[in-house]
Structures are given as C-alpha cells and as structure tokens.
Amino acid sequence: GLVQAGGSLRLSCAASGRTFSLLGMGWFRQAPGKEREFVARVPWNGVA
C-alpha cells in the first residue's frame, strides 16, 4: 500500500503446497528501472 516515510507495513505471502514448509523462503523487490534484488530470507528452521 501507500505509507508515509517512517511508517510501517506487514506483507504476507501465502504459498500453496507443503514443500514451502520444508524450504527456505525469501522476499525480493523491484523498483522502476531497476533489477529485482534480494531483501530477506529465512530457512525452514533457521535464522533470517
């Protein structure tokens, strides 16, 4: 959504299939005119 600088948002990713419970998951982002970049990741049982 749209938020003012200094504000907060929580994104959700709903993934079908039990395989997603066994694999690491990640967030990525792409700004206009830029390539997609890594933001964050978390293993199935590890630290982010």
ModelCIF file with pLDDT and N, C-alpha, C, O atoms, coordinates in Angstrom:
data_MODEL
#
_entry.id   MODEL 
#
_entity.id                         1 
_entity.type                       polymer 
_entity.pdbx_number_of_molecules   1 
#
_entity_poly.entity_id                      1 
_entity_poly.type                           'polypeptide(L)' 
_entity_poly.nstd_linkage                   no 
_entity_poly.nstd_monomer                   no 
_entity_poly.pdbx_seq_one_letter_code       GLVQAGGSLRLSCAASGRTFSLLGMGWFRQAPGKEREFVARVPWNGVA 
_entity_poly.pdbx_seq_one_letter_code_can   GLVQAGGSLRLSCAASGRTFSLLGMGWFRQAPGKEREFVARVPWNGVA 
_entity_poly.pdbx_strand_id                 A 
#
loop_
_entity_poly_seq.entity_id 
_entity_poly_seq.num 
_entity_poly_seq.mon_id 
_entity_poly_seq.hetero 
1 1  GLY n 
1 2  LEU n 
1 3  VAL n 
1 4  GLN n 
1 5  ALA n 
1 6  GLY n 
1 7  GLY n 
1 8  SER n 
1 9  LEU n 
1 10 ARG n 
1 11 LEU n 
1 12 SER n 
1 13 CYS n 
1 14 ALA n 
1 15 ALA n 
1 16 SER n 
1 17 GLY n 
1 18 ARG n 
1 19 THR n 
1 20 PHE n 
1 21 SER n 
1 22 LEU n 
1 23 LEU n 
1 24 GLY n 
1 25 MET n 
1 26 GLY n 
1 27 TRP n 
1 28 PHE n 
1 29 ARG n 
1 30 GLN n 
1 31 ALA n 
1 32 PRO n 
1 33 GLY n 
1 34 LYS n 
1 35 GLU n 
1 36 ARG n 
1 37 GLU n 
1 38 PHE n 
1 39 VAL n 
1 40 ALA n 
1 41 ARG n 
1 42 VAL n 
1 43 PRO n 
1 44 TRP n 
1 45 ASN n 
1 46 GLY n 
1 47 VAL n 
1 48 ALA n 
#
_struct_asym.id          A 
_struct_asym.entity_id   1 
#
loop_
_ma_qa_metric.id 
_ma_qa_metric.mode 
_ma_qa_metric.name 
_ma_qa_metric.software_group_id 
_ma_qa_metric.type 
1 global pLDDT . pLDDT 
2 local  pLDDT . pLDDT 
#
_ma_qa_metric_global.metric_id      1 
_ma_qa_metric_global.metric_value   90.25 
_ma_qa_metric_global.model_id       1 
_ma_qa_metric_global.ordinal_id     1 
#
loop_
_ma_qa_metric_local.label_asym_id 
_ma_qa_metric_local.label_comp_id 
_ma_qa_metric_local.label_seq_id 
_ma_qa_metric_local.metric_id 
_ma_qa_metric_local.metric_value 
_ma_qa_metric_local.model_id 
_ma_qa_metric_local.ordinal_id 
A GLY 1  2 98.00 1 1  
A LEU 2  2 98.00 1 2  
A VAL 3  2 98.00 1 3  
A GLN 4  2 98.00 1 4  
A ALA 5  2 98.00 1 5  
A GLY 6  2 98.00 1 6  
A GLY 7  2 98.00 1 7  
A SER 8  2 98.00 1 8  
A LEU 9  2 98.00 1 9  
A ARG 10 2 98.00 1 10 
A LEU 11 2 98.00 1 11 
A SER 12 2 97.00 1 12 
A CYS 13 2 95.00 1 13 
A ALA 14 2 92.00 1 14 
A ALA 15 2 86.00 1 15 
A SER 16 2 78.00 1 16 
A GLY 17 2 68.00 1 17 
A ARG 18 2 61.00 1 18 
A THR 19 2 61.00 1 19 
A PHE 20 2 69.00 1 20 
A SER 21 2 65.00 1 21 
A LEU 22 2 73.00 1 22 
A LEU 23 2 80.00 1 23 
A GLY 24 2 89.00 1 24 
A MET 25 2 92.00 1 25 
A GLY 26 2 95.00 1 26 
A TRP 27 2 97.00 1 27 
A PHE 28 2 98.00 1 28 
A ARG 29 2 98.00 1 29 
A GLN 30 2 98.00 1 30 
A ALA 31 2 98.00 1 31 
A PRO 32 2 93.00 1 32 
A GLY 33 2 95.00 1 33 
A LYS 34 2 97.00 1 34 
A GLU 35 2 97.00 1 35 
A ARG 36 2 97.00 1 36 
A GLU 37 2 98.00 1 37 
A PHE 38 2 98.00 1 38 
A VAL 39 2 98.00 1 39 
A ALA 40 2 98.00 1 40 
A ARG 41 2 96.00 1 41 
A VAL 42 2 93.00 1 42 
A PRO 43 2 88.00 1 43 
A TRP 44 2 79.00 1 44 
A ASN 45 2 77.00 1 45 
A GLY 46 2 77.00 1 46 
A VAL 47 2 88.00 1 47 
A ALA 48 2 95.00 1 48 
#
loop_
_atom_site.group_PDB 
_atom_site.id 
_atom_site.type_symbol 
_atom_site.label_atom_id 
_atom_site.label_alt_id 
_atom_site.label_comp_id 
_atom_site.label_asym_id 
_atom_site.label_entity_id 
_atom_site.label_seq_id 
_atom_site.pdbx_PDB_ins_code 
_atom_site.Cartn_x 
_atom_site.Cartn_y 
_atom_site.Cartn_z 
_atom_site.occupancy 
_atom_site.B_iso_or_equiv 
_atom_site.pdbx_formal_charge 
_atom_site.auth_seq_id 
_atom_site.auth_comp_id 
_atom_site.auth_asym_id 
_atom_site.auth_atom_id 
_atom_site.pdbx_PDB_model_num 
ATOM 1   N N  . GLY A 1 1  ? 0.813  -1.193  0.000   1.00 98.00 ? 1  GLY A N  1 
ATOM 2   C CA . GLY A 1 1  ? 0.000  0.000   0.000   1.00 98.00 ? 1  GLY A CA 1 
ATOM 3   C C  . GLY A 1 1  ? 0.849  1.245   0.000   1.00 98.00 ? 1  GLY A C  1 
ATOM 4   O O  . GLY A 1 1  ? 2.059  1.200   -0.222  1.00 98.00 ? 1  GLY A O  1 
ATOM 5   N N  . LEU A 1 2  ? 0.189  2.361   0.254   1.00 98.00 ? 2  LEU A N  1 
ATOM 6   C CA . LEU A 1 2  ? 0.832  3.671   0.313   1.00 98.00 ? 2  LEU A CA 1 
ATOM 7   C C  . LEU A 1 2  ? 1.021  4.064   1.769   1.00 98.00 ? 2  LEU A C  1 
ATOM 8   O O  . LEU A 1 2  ? 0.078  4.014   2.558   1.00 98.00 ? 2  LEU A O  1 
ATOM 9   N N  . VAL A 1 3  ? 2.231  4.451   2.122   1.00 98.00 ? 3  VAL A N  1 
ATOM 10  C CA . VAL A 1 3  ? 2.544  4.805   3.501   1.00 98.00 ? 3  VAL A CA 1 
ATOM 11  C C  . VAL A 1 3  ? 3.520  5.973   3.511   1.00 98.00 ? 3  VAL A C  1 
ATOM 12  O O  . VAL A 1 3  ? 4.333  6.121   2.599   1.00 98.00 ? 3  VAL A O  1 
ATOM 13  N N  . GLN A 1 4  ? 3.436  6.795   4.541   1.00 98.00 ? 4  GLN A N  1 
ATOM 14  C CA . GLN A 1 4  ? 4.365  7.896   4.706   1.00 98.00 ? 4  GLN A CA 1 
ATOM 15  C C  . GLN A 1 4  ? 5.711  7.400   5.199   1.00 98.00 ? 4  GLN A C  1 
ATOM 16  O O  . GLN A 1 4  ? 5.791  6.378   5.880   1.00 98.00 ? 4  GLN A O  1 
ATOM 17  N N  . ALA A 1 5  ? 6.766  8.121   4.857   1.00 98.00 ? 5  ALA A N  1 
ATOM 18  C CA . ALA A 1 5  ? 8.095  7.789   5.360   1.00 98.00 ? 5  ALA A CA 1 
ATOM 19  C C  . ALA A 1 5  ? 8.070  7.698   6.877   1.00 98.00 ? 5  ALA A C  1 
ATOM 20  O O  . ALA A 1 5  ? 7.472  8.534   7.555   1.00 98.00 ? 5  ALA A O  1 
ATOM 21  N N  . GLY A 1 6  ? 8.727  6.673   7.398   1.00 98.00 ? 6  GLY A N  1 
ATOM 22  C CA . GLY A 1 6  ? 8.731  6.411   8.824   1.00 98.00 ? 6  GLY A CA 1 
ATOM 23  C C  . GLY A 1 6  ? 7.646  5.465   9.277   1.00 98.00 ? 6  GLY A C  1 
ATOM 24  O O  . GLY A 1 6  ? 7.662  5.013   10.422  1.00 98.00 ? 6  GLY A O  1 
ATOM 25  N N  . GLY A 1 7  ? 6.703  5.153   8.406   1.00 98.00 ? 7  GLY A N  1 
ATOM 26  C CA . GLY A 1 7  ? 5.616  4.264   8.742   1.00 98.00 ? 7  GLY A CA 1 
ATOM 27  C C  . GLY A 1 7  ? 5.981  2.804   8.604   1.00 98.00 ? 7  GLY A C  1 
ATOM 28  O O  . GLY A 1 7  ? 7.133  2.456   8.344   1.00 98.00 ? 7  GLY A O  1 
ATOM 29  N N  . SER A 1 8  ? 4.975  1.948   8.783   1.00 98.00 ? 8  SER A N  1 
ATOM 30  C CA . SER A 1 8  ? 5.181  0.503   8.781   1.00 98.00 ? 8  SER A CA 1 
ATOM 31  C C  . SER A 1 8  ? 4.137  -0.198  7.931   1.00 98.00 ? 8  SER A C  1 
ATOM 32  O O  . SER A 1 8  ? 3.018  0.288   7.766   1.00 98.00 ? 8  SER A O  1 
ATOM 33  N N  . LEU A 1 9  ? 4.519  -1.344  7.395   1.00 98.00 ? 9  LEU A N  1 
ATOM 34  C CA . LEU A 1 9  ? 3.624  -2.243  6.687   1.00 98.00 ? 9  LEU A CA 1 
ATOM 35  C C  . LEU A 1 9  ? 4.040  -3.668  6.985   1.00 98.00 ? 9  LEU A C  1 
ATOM 36  O O  . LEU A 1 9  ? 5.212  -3.932  7.255   1.00 98.00 ? 9  LEU A O  1 
ATOM 37  N N  . ARG A 1 10 ? 3.091  -4.589  6.938   1.00 98.00 ? 10 ARG A N  1 
ATOM 38  C CA . ARG A 1 10 ? 3.404  -6.008  7.024   1.00 98.00 ? 10 ARG A CA 1 
ATOM 39  C C  . ARG A 1 10 ? 2.892  -6.712  5.787   1.00 98.00 ? 10 ARG A C  1 
ATOM 40  O O  . ARG A 1 10 ? 1.693  -6.701  5.508   1.00 98.00 ? 10 ARG A O  1 
ATOM 41  N N  . LEU A 1 11 ? 3.795  -7.322  5.047   1.00 98.00 ? 11 LEU A N  1 
ATOM 42  C CA . LEU A 1 11 ? 3.455  -8.074  3.855   1.00 98.00 ? 11 LEU A CA 1 
ATOM 43  C C  . LEU A 1 11 ? 3.264  -9.543  4.204   1.00 98.00 ? 11 LEU A C  1 
ATOM 44  O O  . LEU A 1 11 ? 3.913  -10.074 5.104   1.00 98.00 ? 11 LEU A O  1 
ATOM 45  N N  . SER A 1 12 ? 2.360  -10.187 3.472   1.00 97.00 ? 12 SER A N  1 
ATOM 46  C CA . SER A 1 12 ? 2.110  -11.611 3.636   1.00 97.00 ? 12 SER A CA 1 
ATOM 47  C C  . SER A 1 12 ? 2.297  -12.321 2.311   1.00 97.00 ? 12 SER A C  1 
ATOM 48  O O  . SER A 1 12 ? 2.007  -11.766 1.252   1.00 97.00 ? 12 SER A O  1 
ATOM 49  N N  . CYS A 1 13 ? 2.780  -13.541 2.374   1.00 95.00 ? 13 CYS A N  1 
ATOM 50  C CA . CYS A 1 13 ? 2.941  -14.388 1.204   1.00 95.00 ? 13 CYS A CA 1 
ATOM 51  C C  . CYS A 1 13 ? 2.336  -15.738 1.516   1.00 95.00 ? 13 CYS A C  1 
ATOM 52  O O  . CYS A 1 13 ? 2.866  -16.493 2.331   1.00 95.00 ? 13 CYS A O  1 
ATOM 53  N N  . ALA A 1 14 ? 1.224  -16.042 0.865   1.00 92.00 ? 14 ALA A N  1 
ATOM 54  C CA . ALA A 1 14 ? 0.554  -17.324 1.027   1.00 92.00 ? 14 ALA A CA 1 
ATOM 55  C C  . ALA A 1 14 ? 1.021  -18.259 -0.074  1.00 92.00 ? 14 ALA A C  1 
ATOM 56  O O  . ALA A 1 14 ? 0.826  -17.979 -1.257  1.00 92.00 ? 14 ALA A O  1 
ATOM 57  N N  . ALA A 1 15 ? 1.631  -19.358 0.310   1.00 86.00 ? 15 ALA A N  1 
ATOM 58  C CA . ALA A 1 15 ? 2.210  -20.305 -0.634  1.00 86.00 ? 15 ALA A CA 1 
ATOM 59  C C  . ALA A 1 15 ? 1.538  -21.656 -0.480  1.00 86.00 ? 15 ALA A C  1 
ATOM 60  O O  . ALA A 1 15 ? 1.490  -22.215 0.615   1.00 86.00 ? 15 ALA A O  1 
ATOM 61  N N  . SER A 1 16 ? 1.021  -22.178 -1.583  1.00 78.00 ? 16 SER A N  1 
ATOM 62  C CA . SER A 1 16 ? 0.380  -23.488 -1.565  1.00 78.00 ? 16 SER A CA 1 
ATOM 63  C C  . SER A 1 16 ? 1.419  -24.594 -1.659  1.00 78.00 ? 16 SER A C  1 
ATOM 64  O O  . SER A 1 16 ? 2.467  -24.436 -2.285  1.00 78.00 ? 16 SER A O  1 
ATOM 65  N N  . GLY A 1 17 ? 1.110  -25.703 -1.031  1.00 68.00 ? 17 GLY A N  1 
ATOM 66  C CA . GLY A 1 17 ? 1.988  -26.852 -1.105  1.00 68.00 ? 17 GLY A CA 1 
ATOM 67  C C  . GLY A 1 17 ? 2.864  -26.991 0.118   1.00 68.00 ? 17 GLY A C  1 
ATOM 68  O O  . GLY A 1 17 ? 3.468  -26.026 0.586   1.00 68.00 ? 17 GLY A O  1 
ATOM 69  N N  . ARG A 1 18 ? 2.924  -28.213 0.631   1.00 61.00 ? 18 ARG A N  1 
ATOM 70  C CA . ARG A 1 18 ? 3.719  -28.474 1.830   1.00 61.00 ? 18 ARG A CA 1 
ATOM 71  C C  . ARG A 1 18 ? 5.206  -28.258 1.586   1.00 61.00 ? 18 ARG A C  1 
ATOM 72  O O  . ARG A 1 18 ? 5.971  -28.074 2.533   1.00 61.00 ? 18 ARG A O  1 
ATOM 73  N N  . THR A 1 19 ? 5.625  -28.280 0.312   1.00 61.00 ? 19 THR A N  1 
ATOM 74  C CA . THR A 1 19 ? 7.035  -28.075 0.012   1.00 61.00 ? 19 THR A CA 1 
ATOM 75  C C  . THR A 1 19 ? 7.546  -26.754 0.560   1.00 61.00 ? 19 THR A C  1 
ATOM 76  O O  . THR A 1 19 ? 8.725  -26.642 0.897   1.00 61.00 ? 19 THR A O  1 
ATOM 77  N N  . PHE A 1 20 ? 6.680  -25.752 0.656   1.00 69.00 ? 20 PHE A N  1 
ATOM 78  C CA . PHE A 1 20 ? 7.104  -24.454 1.155   1.00 69.00 ? 20 PHE A CA 1 
ATOM 79  C C  . PHE A 1 20 ? 7.388  -24.469 2.645   1.00 69.00 ? 20 PHE A C  1 
ATOM 80  O O  . PHE A 1 20 ? 8.065  -23.578 3.157   1.00 69.00 ? 20 PHE A O  1 
ATOM 81  N N  . SER A 1 21 ? 6.879  -25.466 3.344   1.00 65.00 ? 21 SER A N  1 
ATOM 82  C CA . SER A 1 21 ? 7.195  -25.608 4.758   1.00 65.00 ? 21 SER A CA 1 
ATOM 83  C C  . SER A 1 21 ? 8.560  -26.237 4.976   1.00 65.00 ? 21 SER A C  1 
ATOM 84  O O  . SER A 1 21 ? 9.099  -26.181 6.081   1.00 65.00 ? 21 SER A O  1 
ATOM 85  N N  . LEU A 1 22 ? 9.120  -26.830 3.943   1.00 73.00 ? 22 LEU A N  1 
ATOM 86  C CA . LEU A 1 22 ? 10.390 -27.537 4.037   1.00 73.00 ? 22 LEU A CA 1 
ATOM 87  C C  . LEU A 1 22 ? 11.548 -26.776 3.408   1.00 73.00 ? 22 LEU A C  1 
ATOM 88  O O  . LEU A 1 22 ? 12.705 -27.161 3.580   1.00 73.00 ? 22 LEU A O  1 
ATOM 89  N N  . LEU A 1 23 ? 11.258 -25.712 2.690   1.00 80.00 ? 23 LEU A N  1 
ATOM 90  C CA . LEU A 1 23 ? 12.279 -24.944 2.002   1.00 80.00 ? 23 LEU A CA 1 
ATOM 91  C C  . LEU A 1 23 ? 12.449 -23.569 2.624   1.00 80.00 ? 23 LEU A C  1 
ATOM 92  O O  . LEU A 1 23 ? 11.555 -23.059 3.300   1.00 80.00 ? 23 LEU A O  1 
ATOM 93  N N  . GLY A 1 24 ? 13.603 -22.983 2.386   1.00 89.00 ? 24 GLY A N  1 
ATOM 94  C CA . GLY A 1 24 ? 13.780 -21.593 2.739   1.00 89.00 ? 24 GLY A CA 1 
ATOM 95  C C  . GLY A 1 24 ? 12.875 -20.707 1.894   1.00 89.00 ? 24 GLY A C  1 
ATOM 96  O O  . GLY A 1 24 ? 12.543 -21.044 0.757   1.00 89.00 ? 24 GLY A O  1 
ATOM 97  N N  . MET A 1 25 ? 12.485 -19.582 2.454   1.00 92.00 ? 25 MET A N  1 
ATOM 98  C CA . MET A 1 25 ? 11.641 -18.621 1.757   1.00 92.00 ? 25 MET A CA 1 
ATOM 99  C C  . MET A 1 25 ? 12.332 -17.266 1.766   1.00 92.00 ? 25 MET A C  1 
ATOM 100 O O  . MET A 1 25 ? 13.106 -16.952 2.670   1.00 92.00 ? 25 MET A O  1 
ATOM 101 N N  . GLY A 1 26 ? 12.041 -16.474 0.749   1.00 95.00 ? 26 GLY A N  1 
ATOM 102 C CA . GLY A 1 26 ? 12.672 -15.176 0.643   1.00 95.00 ? 26 GLY A CA 1 
ATOM 103 C C  . GLY A 1 26 ? 11.737 -14.116 0.108   1.00 95.00 ? 26 GLY A C  1 
ATOM 104 O O  . GLY A 1 26 ? 10.742 -14.408 -0.554  1.00 95.00 ? 26 GLY A O  1 
ATOM 105 N N  . TRP A 1 27 ? 12.082 -12.873 0.412   1.00 97.00 ? 27 TRP A N  1 
ATOM 106 C CA . TRP A 1 27 ? 11.425 -11.700 -0.152  1.00 97.00 ? 27 TRP A CA 1 
ATOM 107 C C  . TRP A 1 27 ? 12.393 -10.975 -1.066  1.00 97.00 ? 27 TRP A C  1 
ATOM 108 O O  . TRP A 1 27 ? 13.586 -10.879 -0.778  1.00 97.00 ? 27 TRP A O  1 
ATOM 109 N N  . PHE A 1 28 ? 11.871 -10.470 -2.163  1.00 98.00 ? 28 PHE A N  1 
ATOM 110 C CA . PHE A 1 28 ? 12.633 -9.739  -3.163  1.00 98.00 ? 28 PHE A CA 1 
ATOM 111 C C  . PHE A 1 28 ? 11.840 -8.501  -3.554  1.00 98.00 ? 28 PHE A C  1 
ATOM 112 O O  . PHE A 1 28 ? 10.638 -8.431  -3.296  1.00 98.00 ? 28 PHE A O  1 
ATOM 113 N N  . ARG A 1 29 ? 12.489 -7.537  -4.165  1.00 98.00 ? 29 ARG A N  1 
ATOM 114 C CA . ARG A 1 29 ? 11.770 -6.347  -4.605  1.00 98.00 ? 29 ARG A CA 1 
ATOM 115 C C  . ARG A 1 29 ? 12.373 -5.817  -5.894  1.00 98.00 ? 29 ARG A C  1 
ATOM 116 O O  . ARG A 1 29 ? 13.539 -6.057  -6.207  1.00 98.00 ? 29 ARG A O  1 
ATOM 117 N N  . GLN A 1 30 ? 11.545 -5.088  -6.633  1.00 98.00 ? 30 GLN A N  1 
ATOM 118 C CA . GLN A 1 30 ? 11.981 -4.494  -7.887  1.00 98.00 ? 30 GLN A CA 1 
ATOM 119 C C  . GLN A 1 30 ? 11.396 -3.094  -8.008  1.00 98.00 ? 30 GLN A C  1 
ATOM 120 O O  . GLN A 1 30 ? 10.177 -2.925  -8.053  1.00 98.00 ? 30 GLN A O  1 
ATOM 121 N N  . ALA A 1 31 ? 12.259 -2.103  -8.060  1.00 98.00 ? 31 ALA A N  1 
ATOM 122 C CA . ALA A 1 31 ? 11.862 -0.722  -8.253  1.00 98.00 ? 31 ALA A CA 1 
ATOM 123 C C  . ALA A 1 31 ? 11.867 -0.391  -9.740  1.00 98.00 ? 31 ALA A C  1 
ATOM 124 O O  . ALA A 1 31 ? 12.539 -1.070  -10.517 1.00 98.00 ? 31 ALA A O  1 
ATOM 125 N N  . PRO A 1 32 ? 11.126 0.644   -10.153 1.00 93.00 ? 32 PRO A N  1 
ATOM 126 C CA . PRO A 1 32 ? 11.095 1.013   -11.570 1.00 93.00 ? 32 PRO A CA 1 
ATOM 127 C C  . PRO A 1 32 ? 12.495 1.282   -12.110 1.00 93.00 ? 32 PRO A C  1 
ATOM 128 O O  . PRO A 1 32 ? 13.281 2.009   -11.502 1.00 93.00 ? 32 PRO A O  1 
ATOM 129 N N  . GLY A 1 33 ? 12.792 0.686   -13.257 1.00 95.00 ? 33 GLY A N  1 
ATOM 130 C CA . GLY A 1 33 ? 14.076 0.884   -13.890 1.00 95.00 ? 33 GLY A CA 1 
ATOM 131 C C  . GLY A 1 33 ? 15.227 0.139   -13.256 1.00 95.00 ? 33 GLY A C  1 
ATOM 132 O O  . GLY A 1 33 ? 16.373 0.317   -13.670 1.00 95.00 ? 33 GLY A O  1 
ATOM 133 N N  . LYS A 1 34 ? 14.959 -0.687  -12.268 1.00 97.00 ? 34 LYS A N  1 
ATOM 134 C CA . LYS A 1 34 ? 15.997 -1.443  -11.592 1.00 97.00 ? 34 LYS A CA 1 
ATOM 135 C C  . LYS A 1 34 ? 15.707 -2.933  -11.662 1.00 97.00 ? 34 LYS A C  1 
ATOM 136 O O  . LYS A 1 34 ? 14.572 -3.346  -11.896 1.00 97.00 ? 34 LYS A O  1 
ATOM 137 N N  . GLU A 1 35 ? 16.736 -3.728  -11.459 1.00 97.00 ? 35 GLU A N  1 
ATOM 138 C CA . GLU A 1 35 ? 16.554 -5.171  -11.466 1.00 97.00 ? 35 GLU A CA 1 
ATOM 139 C C  . GLU A 1 35 ? 16.048 -5.649  -10.119 1.00 97.00 ? 35 GLU A C  1 
ATOM 140 O O  . GLU A 1 35 ? 16.210 -4.976  -9.101  1.00 97.00 ? 35 GLU A O  1 
ATOM 141 N N  . ARG A 1 36 ? 15.437 -6.813  -10.130 1.00 97.00 ? 36 ARG A N  1 
ATOM 142 C CA . ARG A 1 36 ? 14.948 -7.409  -8.895  1.00 97.00 ? 36 ARG A CA 1 
ATOM 143 C C  . ARG A 1 36 ? 16.117 -7.707  -7.963  1.00 97.00 ? 36 ARG A C  1 
ATOM 144 O O  . ARG A 1 36 ? 17.158 -8.195  -8.403  1.00 97.00 ? 36 ARG A O  1 
ATOM 145 N N  . GLU A 1 37 ? 15.945 -7.412  -6.668  1.00 98.00 ? 37 GLU A N  1 
ATOM 146 C CA . GLU A 1 37 ? 17.005 -7.597  -5.702  1.00 98.00 ? 37 GLU A CA 1 
ATOM 147 C C  . GLU A 1 37 ? 16.509 -8.362  -4.477  1.00 98.00 ? 37 GLU A C  1 
ATOM 148 O O  . GLU A 1 37 ? 15.324 -8.352  -4.143  1.00 98.00 ? 37 GLU A O  1 
ATOM 149 N N  . PHE A 1 38 ? 17.442 -9.011  -3.836  1.00 98.00 ? 38 PHE A N  1 
ATOM 150 C CA . PHE A 1 38 ? 17.175 -9.745  -2.611  1.00 98.00 ? 38 PHE A CA 1 
ATOM 151 C C  . PHE A 1 38 ? 16.899 -8.786  -1.466  1.00 98.00 ? 38 PHE A C  1 
ATOM 152 O O  . PHE A 1 38 ? 17.550 -7.748  -1.344  1.00 98.00 ? 38 PHE A O  1 
ATOM 153 N N  . VAL A 1 39 ? 15.921 -9.139  -0.617  1.00 98.00 ? 39 VAL A N  1 
ATOM 154 C CA . VAL A 1 39 ? 15.585 -8.343  0.554   1.00 98.00 ? 39 VAL A CA 1 
ATOM 155 C C  . VAL A 1 39 ? 15.851 -9.120  1.840   1.00 98.00 ? 39 VAL A C  1 
ATOM 156 O O  . VAL A 1 39 ? 16.558 -8.638  2.725   1.00 98.00 ? 39 VAL A O  1 
ATOM 157 N N  . ALA A 1 40 ? 15.285 -10.319 1.944   1.00 98.00 ? 40 ALA A N  1 
ATOM 158 C CA . ALA A 1 40 ? 15.404 -11.097 3.172   1.00 98.00 ? 40 ALA A CA 1 
ATOM 159 C C  . ALA A 1 40 ? 15.115 -12.555 2.874   1.00 98.00 ? 40 ALA A C  1 
ATOM 160 O O  . ALA A 1 40 ? 14.438 -12.872 1.895   1.00 98.00 ? 40 ALA A O  1 
ATOM 161 N N  . ARG A 1 41 ? 15.624 -13.439 3.712   1.00 96.00 ? 41 ARG A N  1 
ATOM 162 C CA . ARG A 1 41 ? 15.344 -14.860 3.585   1.00 96.00 ? 41 ARG A CA 1 
ATOM 163 C C  . ARG A 1 41 ? 15.309 -15.508 4.950   1.00 96.00 ? 41 ARG A C  1 
ATOM 164 O O  . ARG A 1 41 ? 15.908 -15.001 5.899   1.00 96.00 ? 41 ARG A O  1 
ATOM 165 N N  . VAL A 1 42 ? 14.605 -16.636 5.058   1.00 93.00 ? 42 VAL A N  1 
ATOM 166 C CA . VAL A 1 42 ? 14.563 -17.405 6.288   1.00 93.00 ? 42 VAL A CA 1 
ATOM 167 C C  . VAL A 1 42 ? 14.505 -18.890 5.930   1.00 93.00 ? 42 VAL A C  1 
ATOM 168 O O  . VAL A 1 42 ? 13.620 -19.302 5.179   1.00 93.00 ? 42 VAL A O  1 
ATOM 169 N N  . PRO A 1 43 ? 15.424 -19.700 6.450   1.00 88.00 ? 43 PRO A N  1 
ATOM 170 C CA . PRO A 1 43 ? 15.342 -21.150 6.236   1.00 88.00 ? 43 PRO A CA 1 
ATOM 171 C C  . PRO A 1 43 ? 14.155 -21.750 6.973   1.00 88.00 ? 43 PRO A C  1 
ATOM 172 O O  . PRO A 1 43 ? 13.514 -21.086 7.787   1.00 88.00 ? 43 PRO A O  1 
ATOM 173 N N  . TRP A 1 44 ? 13.869 -23.019 6.679   1.00 79.00 ? 44 TRP A N  1 
ATOM 174 C CA . TRP A 1 44 ? 12.702 -23.654 7.283   1.00 79.00 ? 44 TRP A CA 1 
ATOM 175 C C  . TRP A 1 44 ? 12.814 -23.737 8.797   1.00 79.00 ? 44 TRP A C  1 
ATOM 176 O O  . TRP A 1 44 ? 11.806 -23.689 9.502   1.00 79.00 ? 44 TRP A O  1 
ATOM 177 N N  . ASN A 1 45 ? 14.048 -23.862 9.302   1.00 77.00 ? 45 ASN A N  1 
ATOM 178 C CA . ASN A 1 45 ? 14.248 -23.965 10.747  1.00 77.00 ? 45 ASN A CA 1 
ATOM 179 C C  . ASN A 1 45 ? 15.440 -23.143 11.218  1.00 77.00 ? 45 ASN A C  1 
ATOM 180 O O  . ASN A 1 45 ? 16.029 -23.434 12.259  1.00 77.00 ? 45 ASN A O  1 
ATOM 181 N N  . GLY A 1 46 ? 15.799 -22.104 10.441  1.00 77.00 ? 46 GLY A N  1 
ATOM 182 C CA . GLY A 1 46 ? 16.984 -21.339 10.751  1.00 77.00 ? 46 GLY A CA 1 
ATOM 183 C C  . GLY A 1 46 ? 16.699 -19.886 11.064  1.00 77.00 ? 46 GLY A C  1 
ATOM 184 O O  . GLY A 1 46 ? 15.557 -19.485 11.287  1.00 77.00 ? 46 GLY A O  1 
ATOM 185 N N  . VAL A 1 47 ? 17.769 -19.110 11.073  1.00 88.00 ? 47 VAL A N  1 
ATOM 186 C CA . VAL A 1 47 ? 17.683 -17.691 11.363  1.00 88.00 ? 47 VAL A CA 1 
ATOM 187 C C  . VAL A 1 47 ? 17.686 -16.903 10.071  1.00 88.00 ? 47 VAL A C  1 
ATOM 188 O O  . VAL A 1 47 ? 18.184 -17.365 9.044   1.00 88.00 ? 47 VAL A O  1 
ATOM 189 N N  . ALA A 1 48 ? 17.127 -15.711 10.134  1.00 95.00 ? 48 ALA A N  1 
ATOM 190 C CA . ALA A 1 48 ? 16.930 -14.899 8.949   1.00 95.00 ? 48 ALA A CA 1 
ATOM 191 C C  . ALA A 1 48 ? 18.207 -14.179 8.538   1.00 95.00 ? 48 ALA A C  1 
ATOM 192 O O  . ALA A 1 48 ? 18.211 -13.446 7.549   1.00 95.00 ? 48 ALA A O  1 
#
